[in-house]
PDB file of N, CA and C in Angstrom:
ATOM      1  N   MET A   1     102.185  91.587 120.017  1.00  0.00           N
ATOM      2  CA  MET A   1     102.210  92.151 118.300  1.00  0.00           C
ATOM      3  C   MET A   1     102.549  91.544 117.793  1.00  0.00           C
ATOM      4  N   GLY A   2     102.541  91.476 116.698  1.00  0.00           N
ATOM      5  CA  GLY A   2     103.019  90.013 115.468  1.00  0.00           C
ATOM      6  C   GLY A   2     103.644  91.072 114.535  1.00  0.00           C
ATOM      7  N   ILE A   3     104.743  90.514 114.499  1.00  0.00           N
ATOM      8  CA  ILE A   3     105.923  91.454 113.152  1.00  0.00           C
ATOM      9  C   ILE A   3     104.948  92.380 112.601  1.00  0.00           C
ATOM     10  N   ILE A   4     103.752  92.351 111.449  1.00  0.00           N
ATOM     11  CA  ILE A   4     102.848  93.085 110.490  1.00  0.00           C
ATOM     12  C   ILE A   4     102.902  94.417 112.407  1.00  0.00           C
ATOM     13  N   GLY A   5     102.569  94.366 112.614  1.00  0.00           N
ATOM     14  CA  GLY A   5     101.709  94.800 113.975  1.00  0.00           C
ATOM     15  C   GLY A   5     102.996  96.659 113.988  1.00  0.00           C
ATOM     16  N   TRP A   6     104.171  95.351 113.970  1.00  0.00           N
ATOM     17  CA  TRP A   6     105.363  96.178 114.358  1.00  0.00           C
ATOM     18  C   TRP A   6     105.994  96.869 112.943  1.00  0.00           C
ATOM     19  N   VAL A   7     105.829  96.205 111.907  1.00  0.00           N
ATOM     20  CA  VAL A   7     105.738  97.020 110.442  1.00  0.00           C
ATOM     21  C   VAL A   7     105.038  98.426 110.638  1.00  0.00           C
ATOM     22  N   VAL A   8     103.830  98.118 110.868  1.00  0.00           N
ATOM     23  CA  VAL A   8     102.760  99.450 110.480  1.00  0.00           C
ATOM     24  C   VAL A   8     103.158 100.106 111.406  1.00  0.00           C
ATOM     25  N   LEU A   9     103.623 100.387 112.632  1.00  0.00           N
ATOM     26  CA  LEU A   9     104.263 101.277 113.484  1.00  0.00           C
ATOM     27  C   LEU A   9     105.354 101.321 113.720  1.00  0.00           C
ATOM     28  N   GLY A  10     106.536 101.120 113.270  1.00  0.00           N
ATOM     29  CA  GLY A  10     107.128 101.394 112.048  1.00  0.00           C
ATOM     30  C   GLY A  10     107.280 102.250 110.912  1.00  0.00           C
ATOM     31  N   LEU A  11     106.495 102.191 110.174  1.00  0.00           N
ATOM     32  CA  LEU A  11     106.038 102.903 108.851  1.00  0.00           C
ATOM     33  C   LEU A  11     105.971 103.700 109.857  1.00  0.00           C
ATOM     34  N   ILE A  12     104.932 104.380 110.228  1.00  0.00           N
ATOM     35  CA  ILE A  12     103.618 105.291 111.280  1.00  0.00           C
ATOM     36  C   ILE A  12     104.730 106.672 111.540  1.00  0.00           C
ATOM     37  N   ALA A  13     105.417 105.364 112.751  1.00  0.00           N
ATOM     38  CA  ALA A  13     106.483 105.763 113.034  1.00  0.00           C
ATOM     39  C   ALA A  13     107.853 107.164 112.579  1.00  0.00           C
ATOM     40  N   GLY A  14     108.544 106.273 111.909  1.00  0.00           N
ATOM     41  CA  GLY A  14     109.299 107.025 110.566  1.00  0.00           C
ATOM     42  C   GLY A  14     108.579 108.103 109.581  1.00  0.00           C
ATOM     43  N   ALA A  15     107.659 108.331 109.563  1.00  0.00           N
ATOM     44  CA  ALA A  15     107.157 109.113 109.441  1.00  0.00           C
ATOM     45  C   ALA A  15     106.519 110.558 110.163  1.00  0.00           C
ATOM     46  N   ILE A  16     106.358 110.332 111.332  1.00  0.00           N
ATOM     47  CA  ILE A  16     106.201 111.185 112.128  1.00  0.00           C
ATOM     48  C   ILE A  16     107.005 111.340 112.066  1.00  0.00           C
ATOM     49  N   ALA A  17     108.407 111.015 112.602  1.00  0.00           N
ATOM     50  CA  ALA A  17     109.924 111.006 113.405  1.00  0.00           C
ATOM     51  C   ALA A  17     109.928 112.648 111.645  1.00  0.00           C
ATOM     52  N   LYS A  18     110.099 111.593 110.205  1.00  0.00           N
ATOM     53  CA  LYS A  18     110.731 112.079 109.067  1.00  0.00           C
ATOM     54  C   LYS A  18     109.487 114.089 109.257  1.00  0.00           C
ATOM     55  N   ALA A  19     108.615 114.138 109.766  1.00  0.00           N
ATOM     56  CA  ALA A  19     107.380 115.080 109.650  1.00  0.00           C
ATOM     57  C   ALA A  19     108.366 115.902 110.680  1.00  0.00           C
ATOM     58  N   VAL A  20     108.554 115.392 111.783  1.00  0.00           N
ATOM     59  CA  VAL A  20     109.035 116.276 112.983  1.00  0.00           C
ATOM     60  C   VAL A  20     110.872 116.895 112.579  1.00  0.00           C
ATOM     61  N   LEU A  21     111.203 116.624 111.722  1.00  0.00           N
ATOM     62  CA  LEU A  21     112.759 116.541 111.010  1.00  0.00           C
ATOM     63  C   LEU A  21     112.216 116.687 109.444  1.00  0.00           C
ATOM     64  N   PRO A  22     112.097 117.658 108.762  1.00  0.00           N
ATOM     65  CA  PRO A  22     111.887 117.477 107.732  1.00  0.00           C
ATOM     66  C   PRO A  22     113.383 117.611 106.847  1.00  0.00           C
ATOM     67  N   GLY A  23     113.384 117.188 105.847  1.00  0.00           N
ATOM     68  CA  GLY A  23     114.359 116.904 104.529  1.00  0.00           C
ATOM     69  C   GLY A  23     114.523 115.683 103.378  1.00  0.00           C
ATOM     70  N   ARG A  24     115.372 116.068 103.152  1.00  0.00           N
ATOM     71  CA  ARG A  24     115.514 114.888 101.721  1.00  0.00           C
ATOM     72  C   ARG A  24     116.493 113.758 102.419  1.00  0.00           C
ATOM     73  N   ASP A  25     115.998 113.175 102.757  1.00  0.00           N
ATOM     74  CA  ASP A  25     116.367 111.977 103.151  1.00  0.00           C
ATOM     75  C   ASP A  25     116.986 110.833 102.336  1.00  0.00           C
ATOM     76  N   PRO A  26     117.523 110.380 101.459  1.00  0.00           N
ATOM     77  CA  PRO A  26     117.542 108.708 100.741  1.00  0.00           C
ATOM     78  C   PRO A  26     116.560 107.817 101.760  1.00  0.00           C
ATOM     79  N   GLY A  27     115.968 106.844 100.680  1.00  0.00           N
ATOM     80  CA  GLY A  27     115.366 106.454 101.040  1.00  0.00           C
ATOM     81  C   GLY A  27     114.062 105.087 100.984  1.00  0.00           C
ATOM     82  N   GLY A  28     113.056 106.375 101.796  1.00  0.00           N
ATOM     83  CA  GLY A  28     111.765 106.819 100.932  1.00  0.00           C
ATOM     84  C   GLY A  28     111.076 105.707 101.380  1.00  0.00           C
ATOM     85  N   LEU A  29     110.597 104.784 101.197  1.00  0.00           N
ATOM     86  CA  LEU A  29     108.979 104.122 102.336  1.00  0.00           C
ATOM     87  C   LEU A  29     110.132 103.882 102.844  1.00  0.00           C
ATOM     88  N   ILE A  30     111.056 102.490 102.336  1.00  0.00           N
ATOM     89  CA  ILE A  30     111.197 101.699 103.053  1.00  0.00           C
ATOM     90  C   ILE A  30     112.534 102.115 103.989  1.00  0.00           C
ATOM     91  N   GLY A  31     112.764 103.397 103.481  1.00  0.00           N
ATOM     92  CA  GLY A  31     114.033 103.813 104.378  1.00  0.00           C
ATOM     93  C   GLY A  31     113.160 104.550 105.805  1.00  0.00           C
ATOM     94  N   THR A  32     112.143 105.019 106.042  1.00  0.00           N
ATOM     95  CA  THR A  32     110.706 105.238 106.833  1.00  0.00           C
ATOM     96  C   THR A  32     111.098 104.407 107.491  1.00  0.00           C
ATOM     97  N   THR A  33     109.937 103.240 107.035  1.00  0.00           N
ATOM     98  CA  THR A  33     109.861 101.588 107.403  1.00  0.00           C
ATOM     99  C   THR A  33     111.049 101.556 108.445  1.00  0.00           C
ATOM    100  N   VAL A  34     112.553 101.318 107.965  1.00  0.00           N
ATOM    101  CA  VAL A  34     113.488 100.499 108.727  1.00  0.00           C
ATOM    102  C   VAL A  34     113.761 101.809 110.279  1.00  0.00           C
ATOM    103  N   ILE A  35     114.031 102.492 110.090  1.00  0.00           N
ATOM    104  CA  ILE A  35     114.058 103.640 110.804  1.00  0.00           C
ATOM    105  C   ILE A  35     112.662 103.793 111.484  1.00  0.00           C
ATOM    106  N   GLY A  36     111.756 103.802 111.609  1.00  0.00           N
ATOM    107  CA  GLY A  36     110.330 103.496 112.443  1.00  0.00           C
ATOM    108  C   GLY A  36     110.821 102.305 112.870  1.00  0.00           C
ATOM    109  N   VAL A  37     110.753 100.795 113.110  1.00  0.00           N
ATOM    110  CA  VAL A  37     110.955  99.907 113.539  1.00  0.00           C
ATOM    111  C   VAL A  37     112.598  99.840 114.238  1.00  0.00           C
ATOM    112  N   ALA A  38     113.262 100.327 113.335  1.00  0.00           N
ATOM    113  CA  ALA A  38     114.575  99.920 114.648  1.00  0.00           C
ATOM    114  C   ALA A  38     114.070 101.390 115.355  1.00  0.00           C
ATOM    115  N   GLY A  39     113.383 102.354 115.741  1.00  0.00           N
ATOM    116  CA  GLY A  39     113.493 103.029 116.356  1.00  0.00           C
ATOM    117  C   GLY A  39     112.661 103.210 117.881  1.00  0.00           C
ATOM    118  N   ALA A  40     111.249 101.661 117.096  1.00  0.00           N
ATOM    119  CA  ALA A  40     110.461 101.215 118.562  1.00  0.00           C
ATOM    120  C   ALA A  40     111.566 100.803 118.765  1.00  0.00           C
ATOM    121  N   PHE A  41     112.614  99.813 118.419  1.00  0.00           N
ATOM    122  CA  PHE A  41     113.002  98.756 119.108  1.00  0.00           C
ATOM    123  C   PHE A  41     114.099 100.123 120.560  1.00  0.00           C
ATOM    124  N   VAL A  42     114.906 100.697 119.518  1.00  0.00           N
ATOM    125  CA  VAL A  42     115.451 101.872 120.244  1.00  0.00           C
ATOM    126  C   VAL A  42     114.693 102.775 121.940  1.00  0.00           C
ATOM    127  N   GLY A  43     113.668 103.301 120.723  1.00  0.00           N
ATOM    128  CA  GLY A  43     112.748 103.962 122.022  1.00  0.00           C
ATOM    129  C   GLY A  43     112.360 102.691 122.985  1.00  0.00           C
ATOM    130  N   GLY A  44     112.469 101.480 122.900  1.00  0.00           N
ATOM    131  CA  GLY A  44     111.397 100.995 123.759  1.00  0.00           C
ATOM    132  C   GLY A  44     112.954 100.239 125.016  1.00  0.00           C
ATOM    133  N   TRP A  45     113.567  99.730 124.454  1.00  0.00           N
ATOM    134  CA  TRP A  45     115.187  99.795 124.895  1.00  0.00           C
ATOM    135  C   TRP A  45     115.624 100.981 126.084  1.00  0.00           C
ATOM    136  N   LEU A  46     115.333 102.716 125.582  1.00  0.00           N
ATOM    137  CA  LEU A  46     115.264 103.577 125.933  1.00  0.00           C
ATOM    138  C   LEU A  46     114.759 103.707 127.309  1.00  0.00           C
ATOM    139  N   SER A  47     113.279 103.025 127.124  1.00  0.00           N
ATOM    140  CA  SER A  47     112.323 103.106 128.438  1.00  0.00           C
ATOM    141  C   SER A  47     112.728 102.875 129.597  1.00  0.00           C
ATOM    142  N   ALA A  48     112.887 100.756 128.998  1.00  0.00           N
ATOM    143  CA  ALA A  48     113.319 100.595 130.085  1.00  0.00           C
ATOM    144  C   ALA A  48     114.192 100.501 130.602  1.00  0.00           C
ATOM    145  N   THR A  49     115.476 100.829 130.311  1.00  0.00           N
ATOM    146  CA  THR A  49     116.737 100.975 130.200  1.00  0.00           C
ATOM    147  C   THR A  49     116.464 102.017 131.430  1.00  0.00           C
ATOM    148  N   PHE A  50     116.301 103.910 130.819  1.00  0.00           N
ATOM    149  CA  PHE A  50     116.746 104.652 131.675  1.00  0.00           C
ATOM    150  C   PHE A  50     115.249 105.481 132.611  1.00  0.00           C
ATOM    151  N   LEU A  51     114.015 105.108 131.976  1.00  0.00           N
ATOM    152  CA  LEU A  51     113.213 105.556 132.565  1.00  0.00           C
ATOM    153  C   LEU A  51     112.210 103.993 133.838  1.00  0.00           C
ATOM    154  N   HIS A  52     112.456 102.883 133.386  1.00  0.00           N
ATOM    155  CA  HIS A  52     112.845 102.005 134.376  1.00  0.00           C
ATOM    156  C   HIS A  52     110.850 101.542 134.017  1.00  0.00           C
ATOM    157  N   ARG A  53     110.579 102.239 132.534  1.00  0.00           N
ATOM    158  CA  ARG A  53     109.195 101.944 132.604  1.00  0.00           C
ATOM    159  C   ARG A  53     109.324 100.697 130.898  1.00  0.00           C
ATOM    160  N   SER A  54     108.510  99.509 131.136  1.00  0.00           N
ATOM    161  CA  SER A  54     109.149  98.502 130.074  1.00  0.00           C
ATOM    162  C   SER A  54     107.613  99.844 129.679  1.00  0.00           C
ATOM    163  N   VAL A  55     107.829  98.698 128.068  1.00  0.00           N
ATOM    164  CA  VAL A  55     106.703  99.758 127.074  1.00  0.00           C
ATOM    165  C   VAL A  55     105.835  98.246 126.849  1.00  0.00           C
ATOM    166  N   ALA A  56     104.499  98.241 126.748  1.00  0.00           N
ATOM    167  CA  ALA A  56     103.266  97.234 126.691  1.00  0.00           C
ATOM    168  C   ALA A  56     103.659  96.738 125.339  1.00  0.00           C
ATOM    169  N   ARG A  57     102.798  95.321 124.793  1.00  0.00           N
ATOM    170  CA  ARG A  57     102.743  94.876 123.314  1.00  0.00           C
ATOM    171  C   ARG A  57     101.675  94.967 123.351  1.00  0.00           C
ATOM    172  N   GLN A  58     101.073  95.851 123.281  1.00  0.00           N
ATOM    173  CA  GLN A  58      99.580  96.017 122.836  1.00  0.00           C
ATOM    174  C   GLN A  58     100.277  97.394 121.427  1.00  0.00           C
ATOM    175  N   PHE A  59      99.199  97.274 120.857  1.00  0.00           N
ATOM    176  CA  PHE A  59      99.918  98.338 119.539  1.00  0.00           C
ATOM    177  C   PHE A  59      98.619  99.428 119.847  1.00  0.00           C
ATOM    178  N   PHE A  60      97.771  99.762 120.471  1.00  0.00           N
ATOM    179  CA  PHE A  60      96.981 101.051 121.006  1.00  0.00           C
ATOM    180  C   PHE A  60      97.438 101.732 122.204  1.00  0.00           C
ATOM    181  N   ASP A  61      98.402 100.983 122.721  1.00  0.00           N
ATOM    182  CA  ASP A  61      99.630 102.221 123.971  1.00  0.00           C
ATOM    183  C   ASP A  61     100.448 102.952 123.681  1.00  0.00           C
ATOM    184  N   GLY A  62      99.962 103.991 123.849  1.00  0.00           N
ATOM    185  CA  GLY A  62      99.949 105.792 123.552  1.00  0.00           C
ATOM    186  C   GLY A  62     101.608 105.648 124.912  1.00  0.00           C
ATOM    187  N   ALA A  63     102.219 104.470 125.057  1.00  0.00           N
ATOM    188  CA  ALA A  63     103.456 104.513 126.043  1.00  0.00           C
ATOM    189  C   ALA A  63     104.265 103.586 125.065  1.00  0.00           C
ATOM    190  N   THR A  64     103.669 103.088 123.407  1.00  0.00           N
ATOM    191  CA  THR A  64     104.619 102.252 123.009  1.00  0.00           C
ATOM    192  C   THR A  64     104.803 103.125 121.643  1.00  0.00           C
ATOM    193  N   TRP A  65     103.256 104.305 121.260  1.00  0.00           N
ATOM    194  CA  TRP A  65     103.420 105.189 120.437  1.00  0.00           C
ATOM    195  C   TRP A  65     105.429 105.618 120.530  1.00  0.00           C
ATOM    196  N   VAL A  66     104.762 106.997 121.636  1.00  0.00           N
ATOM    197  CA  VAL A  66     105.926 107.820 122.080  1.00  0.00           C
ATOM    198  C   VAL A  66     107.593 106.922 121.970  1.00  0.00           C
ATOM    199  N   SER A  67     107.739 106.265 122.405  1.00  0.00           N
ATOM    200  CA  SER A  67     108.662 105.737 122.446  1.00  0.00           C
ATOM    201  C   SER A  67     108.928 104.747 121.331  1.00  0.00           C
ATOM    202  N   ALA A  68     108.130 104.971 120.096  1.00  0.00           N
ATOM    203  CA  ALA A  68     108.786 104.309 118.947  1.00  0.00           C
ATOM    204  C   ALA A  68     109.038 105.624 118.401  1.00  0.00           C
ATOM    205  N   VAL A  69     108.230 106.291 118.217  1.00  0.00           N
ATOM    206  CA  VAL A  69     108.954 107.587 118.234  1.00  0.00           C
ATOM    207  C   VAL A  69     109.712 108.435 117.981  1.00  0.00           C
ATOM    208  N   ALA A  70     110.200 108.606 119.283  1.00  0.00           N
ATOM    209  CA  ALA A  70     111.098 108.828 120.355  1.00  0.00           C
ATOM    210  C   ALA A  70     112.790 108.760 119.876  1.00  0.00           C
ATOM    211  N   GLY A  71     112.453 106.701 119.521  1.00  0.00           N
ATOM    212  CA  GLY A  71     113.850 106.073 118.929  1.00  0.00           C
ATOM    213  C   GLY A  71     114.232 106.700 117.757  1.00  0.00           C
ATOM    214  N   SER A  72     112.699 106.953 116.890  1.00  0.00           N
ATOM    215  CA  SER A  72     112.698 107.260 114.873  1.00  0.00           C
ATOM    216  C   SER A  72     112.841 108.847 115.539  1.00  0.00           C
ATOM    217  N   LEU A  73     112.914 110.034 116.714  1.00  0.00           N
ATOM    218  CA  LEU A  73     113.745 110.746 116.016  1.00  0.00           C
ATOM    219  C   LEU A  73     115.152 110.369 116.673  1.00  0.00           C
ATOM    220  N   VAL A  74     115.538 109.557 117.853  1.00  0.00           N
ATOM    221  CA  VAL A  74     117.061 109.518 117.937  1.00  0.00           C
ATOM    222  C   VAL A  74     117.768 108.966 116.119  1.00  0.00           C
ATOM    223  N   LEU A  75     117.405 107.976 115.462  1.00  0.00           N
ATOM    224  CA  LEU A  75     117.899 107.306 115.071  1.00  0.00           C
ATOM    225  C   LEU A  75     118.009 108.408 113.642  1.00  0.00           C
ATOM    226  N   LEU A  76     116.761 109.111 113.449  1.00  0.00           N
ATOM    227  CA  LEU A  76     116.960 109.909 112.031  1.00  0.00           C
ATOM    228  C   LEU A  76     118.590 110.742 112.665  1.00  0.00           C
ATOM    229  N   ILE A  77     118.109 111.781 114.057  1.00  0.00           N
ATOM    230  CA  ILE A  77     119.125 112.264 113.964  1.00  0.00           C
ATOM    231  C   ILE A  77     120.209 112.016 114.119  1.00  0.00           C
ATOM    232  N   ALA A  78     120.454 110.595 114.243  1.00  0.00           N
ATOM    233  CA  ALA A  78     122.058 109.686 114.668  1.00  0.00           C
ATOM    234  C   ALA A  78     122.810 109.600 112.435  1.00  0.00           C
ATOM    235  N   TYR A  79     121.499 109.248 111.940  1.00  0.00           N
ATOM    236  CA  TYR A  79     121.815 109.409 110.592  1.00  0.00           C
ATOM    237  C   TYR A  79     121.958 110.773 110.162  1.00  0.00           C
ATOM    238  N   ARG A  80     121.187 111.393 110.328  1.00  0.00           N
ATOM    239  CA  ARG A  80     122.014 112.533 109.369  1.00  0.00           C
ATOM    240  C   ARG A  80     123.298 112.781 110.128  1.00  0.00           C
ATOM    241  N   LEU A  81     123.368 112.717 111.911  1.00  0.00           N
ATOM    242  CA  LEU A  81     124.884 113.533 112.586  1.00  0.00           C
ATOM    243  C   LEU A  81     125.703 112.687 111.248  1.00  0.00           C
ATOM    244  N   VAL A  82     125.868 111.396 110.436  1.00  0.00           N
ATOM    245  CA  VAL A  82     126.560 110.419 110.454  1.00  0.00           C
ATOM    246  C   VAL A  82     126.903 110.505 108.921  1.00  0.00           C
ATOM    247  N   PHE A  83     125.638 110.579 107.646  1.00  0.00           N
ATOM    248  CA  PHE A  83     125.679 111.033 106.938  1.00  0.00           C
ATOM    249  C   PHE A  83     125.317 111.931 106.107  1.00  0.00           C
ATOM    250  N   GLY A  84     124.676 113.061 106.857  1.00  0.00           N
ATOM    251  CA  GLY A  84     124.734 114.741 106.140  1.00  0.00           C
ATOM    252  C   GLY A  84     123.303 115.022 105.724  1.00  0.00           C
ATOM    253  N   ASN A  85     122.673 115.616 105.657  1.00  0.00           N
ATOM    254  CA  ASN A  85     120.943 115.920 106.329  1.00  0.00           C
ATOM    255  C   ASN A  85     120.519 115.903 104.805  1.00  0.00           C
ATOM    256  N   SER A  86     121.129 115.740 103.529  1.00  0.00           N
ATOM    257  CA  SER A  86     120.637 116.015 102.290  1.00  0.00           C
ATOM    258  C   SER A  86     120.911 115.311 101.123  1.00  0.00           C
ATOM    259  N   ARG A  87     120.367 114.626 100.325  1.00  0.00           N
ATOM    260  CA  ARG A  87     121.499 114.623  99.086  1.00  0.00           C
ATOM    261  C   ARG A  87     121.670 114.780  98.717  1.00  0.00           C
ATOM    262  N   ASP A  88     122.815 115.673  98.410  1.00  0.00           N
ATOM    263  CA  ASP A  88     123.126 115.957  97.036  1.00  0.00           C
ATOM    264  C   ASP A  88     124.214 115.696  95.854  1.00  0.00           C
TER     265      ASP A  88
END
């Protein structure tokens, strides 16, 4: 999976994470993409480290998507804990 695949995966995973945890977070589309791409890396690392299941390098692999969304959720929760839940 190339860099464009990671960006698309991150955009979709970040959007799913924001849909699961709605709120008024700053960043818009770029913030969602950054959280999603970083979440994909975090999710892959968590999957390989704690579940002993490495993530495939294929775009349409279910484990890749689950780990990307889970990692995005972890990063979004951490972001909200550090910076607050909404823009005031």
